[in-house]
Amino acid sequence: MRRWPAIGIALALAAGAAVLWLRPAPQPLANAAQPASAAPAGAPADGPPAPAGTAEASAPAAIEFAGTDLYTVRTGTIARTIPVTGTLTPVERTTVKAKLAGDIVELAVREGEAVRQGQLLARFDPTDFELRVREREAQLRSAQAQLAQAQRTLENNRRLLEKQFISQNAFDNASSAVDVAVAARDAAAAQLNQARKALADTRIAAPMSGIVAERFAQVGEKLPADARILSIVDLSRMEIEAPVPASEIAAVRIGQPVSLSIEGIDGEQVGRVARINPGTQAGTRSVPIYIALSFPAGEARVRAGMFAQGRLALDERRDVLVVPLAAIRDAGGRQFVYLIDGGRLAERDLRVGLRDESAPAGQGAVGLAEVREGLKAGDSIVGVNLGTLRTGSRVAIAPATAAKPSATPGGAPRP
């Protein structure tokens, strides 16, 4: 009978242990006080968290672009060009030389001075030439006097011959004397003209209008005939000799325009192909072409020898779709751009035609490409190279007054 109380106590202890085991554990106090606004990203404030892997939890972050990062596809003109370089060479230039030997007593111009055609440039000592002119004039007067005497003798002999006072042979001799006197007079006249020309050649006049480029003589020097005195250049008409690859020369034509930038001169200058050399240059296999440029008379900035570079358009297409070269991406043998489609970023494959690496593309960028397939006018694309972007990302445009933000590779916005 004493075993029953012990069995009752054991059953009571077992029941109490079972109650403690089955009671739920209390929630932590911090979790119980957490506000709904602190719920994890991707979970609604009044519901359970979204399961991992759903579209709502994995959607890419929005990319914010500046307005200058985007480009609207439009039509334009594009050309296939090749670079050309060369130096400016005057088309008209001359070297003024001495026509006779003598001493220079005057040199009226110096380097850099403008001269007009016919203007006096230099003067030789004329003393010897003036004396020679006087000598030739005296010889001419003597020859004229001898001719007059021979003619009077001939007239007298003619009257004597009519009266049979002289023979025919004597008359013929008088006639021959007149012919000799005429020849002597003509020779003296020619020598006088030659002496006068030599005297005139002591004054050197400008054969053309232009700028004195160089002086080769000084006052007081004794120069031989054909010695150089001055060189004159006309800077209003210039020419550039530029080599063109033989593989491209078939597309070059006389009269083609060439856009050039000349060192020291602001703005773009336009020249035209004036001539094409018939052969290639030895060692380079290039063909020289000659580009003509015209400048206003008295243009102070232009100088011979200035370096010029530019581009010659070989093939031009108008009213075609164009995009900046910086917008085109190359990956795995395909070319594409980032297109803004429905407010999200997408890749769009292209077929590209002509490329012009020197054409202005806006916002200070350079280089355009023709789009043959893949885009239409009005499409909005990323016009600059921002690296790799995440397709499918939402696109936002930063306000124009805000500091320029741009996307970083991977789709994350750049502050």
Protein backbone atom coordinates (compact mmCIF):
# COMPACT_ATOMS: atom_id res chain seq x y z
CA MET A 1 0.00 0.00 0.00
CA ARG A 2 2.99 2.36 0.42
CA ARG A 3 3.86 2.13 -3.32
CA TRP A 4 0.80 4.12 -4.48
CA PRO A 5 1.90 7.52 -3.10
CA ALA A 6 5.32 7.11 -4.79
CA ILE A 7 3.72 6.24 -8.13
CA GLY A 8 1.49 9.35 -7.94
CA ILE A 9 4.42 11.65 -7.31
CA ALA A 10 6.32 10.21 -10.31
CA LEU A 11 3.33 10.72 -12.63
CA ALA A 12 2.95 14.37 -11.49
CA LEU A 13 6.62 15.12 -12.24
CA ALA A 14 6.35 13.54 -15.71
CA ALA A 15 3.26 15.60 -16.54
CA GLY A 16 5.00 18.85 -15.52
CA ALA A 17 8.03 18.08 -17.69
CA ALA A 18 5.78 17.41 -20.68
CA VAL A 19 4.04 20.76 -20.25
CA LEU A 20 7.36 22.64 -20.18
CA TRP A 21 8.62 20.85 -23.30
CA LEU A 22 5.53 21.52 -25.39
CA ARG A 23 5.18 25.28 -24.55
CA PRO A 24 6.38 27.57 -27.47
CA ALA A 25 9.52 29.62 -26.96
CA PRO A 26 9.00 33.40 -26.33
CA GLN A 27 9.82 35.91 -29.22
CA PRO A 28 12.86 38.20 -28.76
CA LEU A 29 11.94 41.60 -27.58
CA ALA A 30 13.84 43.39 -30.41
CA ASN A 31 11.89 41.54 -33.12
CA ALA A 32 8.62 42.29 -31.44
CA ALA A 33 9.43 46.03 -31.52
CA GLN A 34 10.72 46.20 -35.18
CA PRO A 35 8.65 48.73 -37.29
CA ALA A 36 7.11 47.74 -40.61
CA SER A 37 9.16 50.39 -42.47
CA ALA A 38 12.37 48.48 -41.68
CA ALA A 39 11.27 45.40 -43.58
CA PRO A 40 13.89 43.93 -45.93
CA ALA A 41 14.13 45.35 -49.46
CA GLY A 42 11.81 43.54 -51.83
CA ALA A 43 9.25 42.54 -49.10
CA PRO A 44 5.95 44.40 -48.62
CA ALA A 45 5.54 46.15 -45.28
CA ASP A 46 2.34 44.23 -44.42
CA GLY A 47 3.29 40.77 -45.64
CA PRO A 48 6.00 38.12 -45.57
CA PRO A 49 9.33 38.66 -47.40
CA ALA A 50 9.39 37.93 -51.13
CA PRO A 51 11.05 34.61 -51.84
CA ALA A 52 14.54 34.72 -53.30
CA GLY A 53 14.77 34.56 -57.15
CA THR A 54 11.55 36.42 -57.95
CA ALA A 55 11.53 39.32 -60.50
CA GLU A 56 10.75 41.80 -57.73
CA ALA A 57 13.80 40.82 -55.71
CA SER A 58 16.26 40.67 -58.72
CA ALA A 59 15.22 43.79 -60.76
CA PRO A 60 18.32 45.90 -61.75
CA ALA A 61 18.75 49.31 -60.20
CA ALA A 62 17.84 52.39 -62.28
CA ILE A 63 20.62 54.15 -64.26
CA GLU A 64 20.60 57.91 -64.27
CA PHE A 65 22.05 59.60 -67.39
CA ALA A 66 22.87 63.19 -68.06
CA GLY A 67 21.16 64.70 -71.08
CA THR A 68 24.54 64.95 -72.85
CA ASP A 69 25.06 61.19 -72.47
CA LEU A 70 22.15 60.44 -74.82
CA TYR A 71 21.95 60.91 -78.59
CA THR A 72 18.88 61.06 -80.80
CA VAL A 73 19.40 59.21 -84.09
CA ARG A 74 18.94 61.55 -87.07
CA THR A 75 19.88 61.88 -90.72
CA GLY A 76 22.96 63.70 -91.92
CA THR A 77 25.82 63.72 -94.39
CA ILE A 78 28.83 61.44 -94.02
CA ALA A 79 31.90 60.90 -96.17
CA ARG A 80 34.75 58.44 -96.48
CA THR A 81 37.88 60.53 -96.13
CA ILE A 82 41.64 60.11 -96.20
CA PRO A 83 44.15 62.37 -94.42
CA VAL A 84 46.31 64.77 -96.43
CA THR A 85 49.28 66.77 -95.20
CA GLY A 86 51.74 69.16 -96.79
CA THR A 87 53.27 72.62 -96.68
CA LEU A 88 52.06 75.79 -98.36
CA THR A 89 53.99 76.70 -101.50
CA PRO A 90 53.32 79.86 -103.54
CA VAL A 91 52.07 79.17 -107.04
CA GLU A 92 53.70 82.36 -108.35
CA ARG A 93 57.26 83.09 -107.24
CA THR A 94 60.25 84.57 -109.02
CA THR A 95 63.91 85.35 -108.49
CA VAL A 96 64.99 88.78 -109.69
CA LYS A 97 68.46 88.59 -111.33
CA ALA A 98 70.92 91.10 -112.70
CA LYS A 99 70.73 91.46 -116.47
CA LEU A 100 74.24 92.92 -116.68
CA ALA A 101 77.41 93.20 -114.65
CA GLY A 102 77.84 96.28 -112.50
CA ASP A 103 77.86 97.92 -109.09
CA ILE A 104 74.62 98.21 -107.10
CA VAL A 105 74.08 101.78 -105.98
CA GLU A 106 70.49 101.41 -104.69
CA LEU A 107 68.41 98.58 -103.26
CA ALA A 108 64.99 100.01 -102.45
CA VAL A 109 63.23 97.11 -100.65
CA ARG A 110 63.88 94.63 -97.87
CA GLU A 111 62.46 91.25 -96.84
CA GLY A 112 58.77 91.27 -95.98
CA GLU A 113 57.90 94.40 -97.92
CA ALA A 114 55.06 94.37 -100.42
CA VAL A 115 55.90 95.41 -103.98
CA ARG A 116 53.83 96.21 -107.05
CA GLN A 117 54.53 95.10 -110.58
CA GLY A 118 56.82 97.65 -112.23
CA GLN A 119 58.05 99.14 -108.94
CA LEU A 120 61.77 100.05 -108.79
CA LEU A 121 63.69 97.47 -106.75
CA ALA A 122 67.37 98.15 -107.42
CA ARG A 123 69.63 100.36 -109.50
CA PHE A 124 73.12 99.77 -110.91
CA ASP A 125 75.73 102.49 -111.52
CA PRO A 126 74.71 103.82 -114.97
CA THR A 127 77.88 105.84 -115.78
CA ASP A 128 79.52 103.35 -118.13
CA PHE A 129 76.25 102.60 -119.86
CA GLU A 130 75.41 106.27 -120.39
CA LEU A 131 78.83 106.79 -122.00
CA ARG A 132 78.27 103.81 -124.24
CA VAL A 133 74.95 105.24 -125.37
CA ARG A 134 76.65 108.50 -126.30
CA GLU A 135 79.29 106.58 -128.23
CA ARG A 136 76.67 104.66 -130.17
CA GLU A 137 74.75 107.81 -130.91
CA ALA A 138 77.91 109.37 -132.39
CA GLN A 139 78.53 106.28 -134.49
CA LEU A 140 75.00 106.45 -135.78
CA ARG A 141 75.39 110.10 -136.76
CA SER A 142 78.62 109.23 -138.57
CA ALA A 143 76.93 106.38 -140.44
CA GLN A 144 74.07 108.65 -141.41
CA ALA A 145 76.50 111.26 -142.73
CA GLN A 146 78.36 108.66 -144.80
CA LEU A 147 75.05 107.45 -146.20
CA ALA A 148 74.08 110.99 -147.20
CA GLN A 149 77.44 111.46 -148.96
CA ALA A 150 77.09 108.16 -150.81
CA GLN A 151 73.59 109.11 -151.96
CA ARG A 152 74.80 112.49 -153.33
CA THR A 153 77.65 110.75 -155.13
CA LEU A 154 75.22 108.30 -156.67
CA GLU A 155 72.99 111.11 -157.98
CA ASN A 156 75.96 112.91 -159.51
CA ASN A 157 77.14 109.70 -161.20
CA ARG A 158 73.67 109.10 -162.59
CA ARG A 159 73.69 112.49 -164.36
CA LEU A 160 77.23 111.86 -165.65
CA LEU A 161 76.24 108.45 -166.93
CA GLU A 162 73.33 109.99 -168.83
CA LYS A 163 75.83 112.30 -170.57
CA GLN A 164 78.20 109.44 -171.21
CA PHE A 165 80.92 111.07 -169.08
CA ILE A 166 81.47 107.93 -166.89
CA SER A 167 81.22 104.23 -167.48
CA GLN A 168 78.48 101.95 -166.24
CA ASN A 169 80.97 100.26 -163.91
CA ALA A 170 81.69 103.56 -162.14
CA PHE A 171 77.99 104.11 -161.64
CA ASP A 172 77.54 100.61 -160.22
CA ASN A 173 80.35 101.23 -157.72
CA ALA A 174 78.59 104.38 -156.50
CA SER A 175 75.35 102.44 -156.13
CA SER A 176 77.12 99.75 -154.08
CA ALA A 177 78.60 102.44 -151.83
CA VAL A 178 75.11 103.62 -151.01
CA ASP A 179 74.08 100.08 -150.03
CA VAL A 180 77.14 99.76 -147.78
CA ALA A 181 76.36 103.08 -146.12
CA VAL A 182 72.75 102.04 -145.49
CA ALA A 183 73.94 98.81 -143.83
CA ALA A 184 76.44 100.74 -141.70
CA ARG A 185 73.71 103.13 -140.61
CA ASP A 186 71.39 100.25 -139.67
CA ALA A 187 74.14 98.53 -137.71
CA ALA A 188 74.90 101.73 -135.82
CA ALA A 189 71.23 102.16 -135.03
CA ALA A 190 71.02 98.60 -133.70
CA GLN A 191 74.09 99.12 -131.54
CA LEU A 192 72.55 102.30 -130.19
CA ASN A 193 69.34 100.46 -129.30
CA GLN A 194 71.40 97.77 -127.58
CA ALA A 195 73.28 100.38 -125.56
CA ARG A 196 70.04 102.07 -124.57
CA LYS A 197 68.60 98.74 -123.42
CA ALA A 198 71.69 98.08 -121.31
CA LEU A 199 71.24 101.50 -119.75
CA ALA A 200 67.59 100.72 -119.00
CA ASP A 201 68.64 97.39 -117.46
CA THR A 202 70.54 99.28 -114.78
CA ARG A 203 67.11 99.89 -113.21
CA ILE A 204 65.58 96.66 -111.86
CA ALA A 205 61.76 96.70 -111.69
CA ALA A 206 59.44 94.16 -110.02
CA PRO A 207 58.23 91.62 -112.59
CA MET A 208 55.14 90.80 -110.46
CA SER A 209 53.25 91.99 -107.40
CA GLY A 210 53.97 90.19 -104.15
CA ILE A 211 56.15 90.11 -101.04
CA VAL A 212 59.94 90.27 -100.97
CA ALA A 213 61.00 86.92 -99.54
CA GLU A 214 64.80 87.22 -99.59
CA ARG A 215 67.60 89.60 -100.53
CA PHE A 216 70.75 88.11 -102.03
CA ALA A 217 72.77 91.33 -102.58
CA GLN A 218 73.66 94.53 -100.79
CA VAL A 219 74.33 98.10 -101.88
CA GLY A 220 77.91 98.54 -103.08
CA GLU A 221 78.39 94.97 -104.29
CA LYS A 222 79.70 94.34 -107.77
CA LEU A 223 77.56 91.67 -109.34
CA PRO A 224 78.14 89.59 -112.45
CA ALA A 225 75.44 89.19 -115.04
CA ASP A 226 72.65 86.78 -114.02
CA ALA A 227 73.45 87.15 -110.30
CA ARG A 228 70.49 86.84 -107.91
CA ILE A 229 69.25 90.05 -106.29
CA LEU A 230 65.81 89.37 -104.76
CA SER A 231 63.08 86.74 -104.58
CA ILE A 232 59.38 87.68 -104.67
CA VAL A 233 56.39 85.48 -103.79
CA ASP A 234 52.66 85.93 -104.31
CA LEU A 235 50.89 84.74 -101.15
CA SER A 236 47.37 85.10 -102.55
CA ARG A 237 47.61 81.78 -104.41
CA MET A 238 49.06 78.79 -102.60
CA GLU A 239 49.47 75.12 -103.37
CA ILE A 240 49.99 71.99 -101.28
CA GLU A 241 51.65 68.83 -102.54
CA ALA A 242 50.13 65.90 -100.64
CA PRO A 243 50.74 62.16 -101.10
CA VAL A 244 47.73 59.87 -101.60
CA PRO A 245 47.95 56.05 -101.37
CA ALA A 246 47.96 54.42 -104.78
CA SER A 247 45.00 52.24 -103.68
CA GLU A 248 42.84 55.37 -103.22
CA ILE A 249 43.99 57.51 -106.15
CA ALA A 250 41.25 56.19 -108.48
CA ALA A 251 38.63 57.97 -106.33
CA VAL A 252 40.42 61.34 -106.51
CA ARG A 253 39.14 63.79 -109.14
CA ILE A 254 40.15 67.24 -110.28
CA GLY A 255 38.09 69.88 -108.48
CA GLN A 256 37.31 67.82 -105.36
CA PRO A 257 37.09 70.01 -102.23
CA VAL A 258 39.57 69.47 -99.40
CA SER A 259 39.05 70.75 -95.85
CA LEU A 260 42.33 71.95 -94.34
CA SER A 261 43.60 73.27 -91.03
CA ILE A 262 46.67 75.50 -91.34
CA GLU A 263 48.96 76.15 -88.40
CA GLY A 264 48.66 79.70 -87.14
CA ILE A 265 45.35 80.37 -88.92
CA ASP A 266 42.03 80.02 -87.11
CA GLY A 267 39.17 78.30 -88.84
CA GLU A 268 38.97 75.79 -91.62
CA GLN A 269 40.25 76.54 -95.11
CA VAL A 270 38.80 74.89 -98.22
CA GLY A 271 41.00 74.02 -101.17
CA ARG A 272 40.46 72.04 -104.35
CA VAL A 273 42.43 69.37 -106.14
CA ALA A 274 44.16 71.21 -109.00
CA ARG A 275 46.41 68.51 -110.48
CA ILE A 276 47.23 64.82 -110.04
CA ASN A 277 50.73 63.53 -110.68
CA PRO A 278 50.84 60.85 -113.41
CA GLY A 279 53.22 58.59 -111.46
CA THR A 280 53.97 57.29 -107.98
CA GLN A 281 56.80 58.46 -105.75
CA ALA A 282 59.72 56.09 -105.53
CA GLY A 283 59.87 54.23 -102.24
CA THR A 284 56.44 55.30 -100.97
CA ARG A 285 54.09 53.99 -103.67
CA SER A 286 51.98 57.11 -103.17
CA VAL A 287 50.77 59.52 -105.83
CA PRO A 288 51.26 63.27 -105.25
CA ILE A 289 48.23 65.50 -105.70
CA TYR A 290 48.31 69.30 -105.75
CA ILE A 291 45.70 71.23 -103.76
CA ALA A 292 45.11 74.88 -104.67
CA LEU A 293 44.13 77.52 -102.10
CA SER A 294 43.27 81.19 -102.57
CA PHE A 295 43.56 83.95 -99.98
CA PRO A 296 42.56 87.61 -100.03
CA ALA A 297 45.25 89.96 -101.29
CA GLY A 298 47.30 91.26 -98.39
CA GLU A 299 46.34 88.39 -96.04
CA ALA A 300 48.88 88.92 -93.27
CA ARG A 301 48.57 85.50 -91.62
CA VAL A 302 49.52 83.34 -94.59
CA ARG A 303 53.17 82.43 -95.04
CA ALA A 304 54.97 80.07 -97.38
CA GLY A 305 56.10 76.86 -95.69
CA MET A 306 53.23 76.68 -93.19
CA PHE A 307 52.13 73.14 -92.37
CA ALA A 308 48.62 72.13 -93.37
CA GLN A 309 46.63 69.01 -92.66
CA GLY A 310 43.13 67.98 -93.56
CA ARG A 311 40.92 65.32 -95.08
CA LEU A 312 39.94 64.59 -98.65
CA ALA A 313 36.40 63.23 -99.10
CA LEU A 314 36.41 60.26 -101.47
CA ASP A 315 32.80 59.11 -101.06
CA GLU A 316 29.94 61.22 -99.69
CA ARG A 317 26.41 60.17 -98.74
CA ARG A 318 23.59 62.53 -97.83
CA ASP A 319 20.41 62.05 -95.80
CA VAL A 320 21.53 58.82 -94.13
CA LEU A 321 21.17 57.81 -90.47
CA VAL A 322 24.29 58.65 -88.47
CA VAL A 323 25.41 57.91 -84.90
CA PRO A 324 28.58 58.81 -82.99
CA LEU A 325 31.41 56.34 -83.27
CA ALA A 326 31.70 56.42 -79.47
CA ALA A 327 28.19 54.94 -79.18
CA ILE A 328 29.03 51.77 -81.15
CA ARG A 329 30.18 48.77 -79.11
CA ASP A 330 32.05 45.75 -80.48
CA ALA A 331 31.66 42.40 -78.75
CA GLY A 332 32.09 38.92 -80.10
CA GLY A 333 32.10 39.98 -83.74
CA ARG A 334 28.88 41.98 -83.43
CA GLN A 335 28.29 45.71 -83.31
CA PHE A 336 25.54 47.21 -81.20
CA VAL A 337 24.41 50.30 -79.33
CA TYR A 338 22.58 50.77 -76.06
CA LEU A 339 19.02 51.77 -76.96
CA ILE A 340 16.49 53.41 -74.64
CA ASP A 341 13.38 51.31 -75.31
CA GLY A 342 10.27 51.82 -73.19
CA GLY A 343 12.23 53.49 -70.41
CA ARG A 344 14.68 50.58 -70.11
CA LEU A 345 18.13 49.90 -71.47
CA ALA A 346 18.47 47.38 -74.32
CA GLU A 347 21.13 46.28 -76.80
CA ARG A 348 20.40 46.84 -80.48
CA ASP A 349 22.54 45.23 -83.21
CA LEU A 350 23.64 47.42 -86.13
CA ARG A 351 24.95 47.18 -89.66
CA VAL A 352 27.39 50.04 -90.13
CA GLY A 353 28.36 51.66 -93.44
CA LEU A 354 30.75 54.59 -93.97
CA ARG A 355 32.83 55.93 -91.09
CA ASP A 356 34.16 59.47 -90.79
CA GLU A 357 36.52 59.77 -87.86
CA SER A 358 36.90 63.54 -88.25
CA ALA A 359 33.23 64.59 -88.46
CA PRO A 360 31.87 66.50 -85.42
CA ALA A 361 29.39 64.39 -83.44
CA GLY A 362 28.15 67.03 -80.98
CA GLN A 363 29.09 67.79 -77.38
CA GLY A 364 32.72 68.11 -78.44
CA ALA A 365 32.88 64.50 -79.70
CA VAL A 366 34.39 63.60 -83.06
CA GLY A 367 33.53 60.73 -85.40
CA LEU A 368 30.31 59.56 -87.08
CA ALA A 369 29.19 56.28 -88.61
CA GLU A 370 26.46 55.52 -91.11
CA VAL A 371 23.72 53.15 -89.86
CA ARG A 372 22.33 50.93 -92.61
CA GLU A 373 20.21 48.63 -90.43
CA GLY A 374 19.12 48.42 -86.80
CA LEU A 375 17.91 51.92 -85.95
CA LYS A 376 15.44 54.51 -87.17
CA ALA A 377 15.32 58.28 -86.97
CA GLY A 378 14.25 59.47 -83.53
CA ASP A 379 15.62 56.49 -81.56
CA SER A 380 17.38 57.49 -78.34
CA ILE A 381 20.69 55.77 -77.65
CA VAL A 382 23.62 56.14 -75.27
CA GLY A 383 25.91 58.38 -77.33
CA VAL A 384 29.09 58.09 -75.25
CA ASN A 385 31.25 55.23 -74.06
CA LEU A 386 30.29 54.50 -70.45
CA GLY A 387 31.63 50.97 -70.38
CA THR A 388 29.44 47.89 -69.99
CA LEU A 389 25.87 48.65 -68.90
CA ARG A 390 23.23 46.26 -67.53
CA THR A 391 20.48 45.73 -70.05
CA GLY A 392 16.95 45.83 -68.67
CA SER A 393 17.82 48.59 -66.20
CA ARG A 394 15.37 51.42 -65.79
CA VAL A 395 16.59 54.71 -67.27
CA ALA A 396 16.28 58.13 -65.65
CA ILE A 397 17.42 61.51 -66.99
CA ALA A 398 19.14 63.84 -64.57
CA PRO A 399 17.82 67.41 -64.41
CA ALA A 400 19.73 69.83 -66.61
CA THR A 401 20.68 71.98 -63.62
CA ALA A 402 22.11 69.11 -61.62
CA ALA A 403 25.74 68.06 -61.70
CA LYS A 404 26.37 65.61 -64.53
CA PRO A 405 25.95 62.02 -63.27
CA SER A 406 26.73 59.11 -65.51
CA ALA A 407 26.44 55.37 -65.23
CA THR A 408 29.26 53.12 -64.19
CA PRO A 409 29.98 49.67 -65.65
CA GLY A 410 27.59 47.06 -64.34
CA GLY A 411 24.55 49.32 -64.26
CA ALA A 412 25.20 51.01 -60.89
CA PRO A 413 24.64 54.75 -60.88
CA ARG A 414 27.75 56.92 -60.54
CA PRO A 415 27.45 59.79 -58.05
